[in-house]
Amino acid sequence: MDVAYAISRKVGNAVVRNRIRRRLRALIDDLDPQPKPGAYLIRCGFETGNLPYEELHHHLHQALDRASVH
């Protein structure tokens, strides 16, 4: 499974964007069951930099449920 992240500079500086990217990678790795094989693009809006880990987890699951790949 290939995952790409679209994180706007409006989210924050490089440190913030890299932290979001690391958190999303960890969340994707921990998914059970894993999403279907394929290519995925995760887009992050400017508010993403302020989300705690648990809320980011919730939003990722919601997005995957809407996409029916979870």
Protein backbone atom coordinates (compact mmCIF):
# COMPACT_ATOMS: atom_id res chain seq x y z
CA MET A 1 0.00 0.00 0.00
CA ASP A 2 1.37 3.38 -1.00
CA VAL A 3 0.38 6.44 1.02
CA ALA A 4 1.14 10.04 0.11
CA TYR A 5 0.51 13.02 2.35
CA ALA A 6 -0.56 16.46 1.13
CA ILE A 7 0.18 18.81 4.00
CA SER A 8 -0.11 22.50 3.25
CA ARG A 9 2.46 24.98 4.51
CA LYS A 10 -0.48 26.74 6.13
CA VAL A 11 -0.54 23.89 8.68
CA GLY A 12 2.73 25.06 10.17
CA ASN A 13 6.47 24.97 9.76
CA ALA A 14 8.44 21.89 8.71
CA VAL A 15 8.61 20.58 12.28
CA VAL A 16 4.81 20.60 12.59
CA ARG A 17 4.27 19.07 9.15
CA ASN A 18 6.80 16.30 9.85
CA ARG A 19 5.14 15.54 13.21
CA ILE A 20 1.78 15.17 11.45
CA ARG A 21 3.36 12.92 8.81
CA ARG A 22 4.93 10.69 11.52
CA ARG A 23 1.65 10.46 13.40
CA LEU A 24 -0.27 9.53 10.27
CA ARG A 25 2.31 6.87 9.37
CA ALA A 26 1.98 5.36 12.85
CA LEU A 27 -1.81 5.37 12.60
CA ILE A 28 -1.74 3.72 9.17
CA ASP A 29 0.71 1.05 10.40
CA ASP A 30 -1.55 0.24 13.37
CA LEU A 31 -4.77 -0.14 11.36
CA ASP A 32 -6.48 -3.49 11.77
CA PRO A 33 -7.48 -4.63 9.25
CA GLN A 34 -5.10 -2.92 6.88
CA PRO A 35 -6.72 -0.97 4.01
CA LYS A 36 -6.99 -2.66 0.65
CA PRO A 37 -3.80 -2.53 -1.44
CA GLY A 38 -3.53 0.55 -3.58
CA ALA A 39 -2.41 4.15 -3.59
CA TYR A 40 -3.84 6.61 -1.07
CA LEU A 41 -3.56 10.36 -0.71
CA ILE A 42 -4.20 11.88 2.69
CA ARG A 43 -4.83 15.61 2.58
CA CYS A 44 -4.38 17.68 5.72
CA GLY A 45 -6.01 21.07 6.19
CA PHE A 46 -4.57 23.94 8.19
CA GLU A 47 -6.35 22.86 11.40
CA THR A 48 -4.56 19.48 11.42
CA GLY A 49 -1.55 20.90 13.22
CA ASN A 50 -3.66 21.59 16.31
CA LEU A 51 -5.27 18.14 16.58
CA PRO A 52 -4.25 15.82 19.40
CA TYR A 53 -3.20 12.30 18.40
CA GLU A 54 -6.54 10.75 19.43
CA GLU A 55 -8.56 13.20 17.37
CA LEU A 56 -6.29 12.68 14.36
CA HIS A 57 -6.91 8.93 14.81
CA HIS A 58 -10.67 9.55 14.83
CA HIS A 59 -10.56 11.70 11.67
CA LEU A 60 -8.43 9.14 9.82
CA HIS A 61 -10.90 6.35 10.66
CA GLN A 62 -13.82 8.50 9.54
CA ALA A 63 -12.12 9.23 6.22
CA LEU A 64 -11.33 5.57 5.63
CA ASP A 65 -14.90 4.57 6.49
CA ARG A 66 -16.25 7.14 4.02
CA ALA A 67 -13.87 5.81 1.38
CA SER A 68 -14.92 2.22 2.25
CA VAL A 69 -11.31 0.97 2.38
CA HIS A 70 -11.07 0.26 6.09
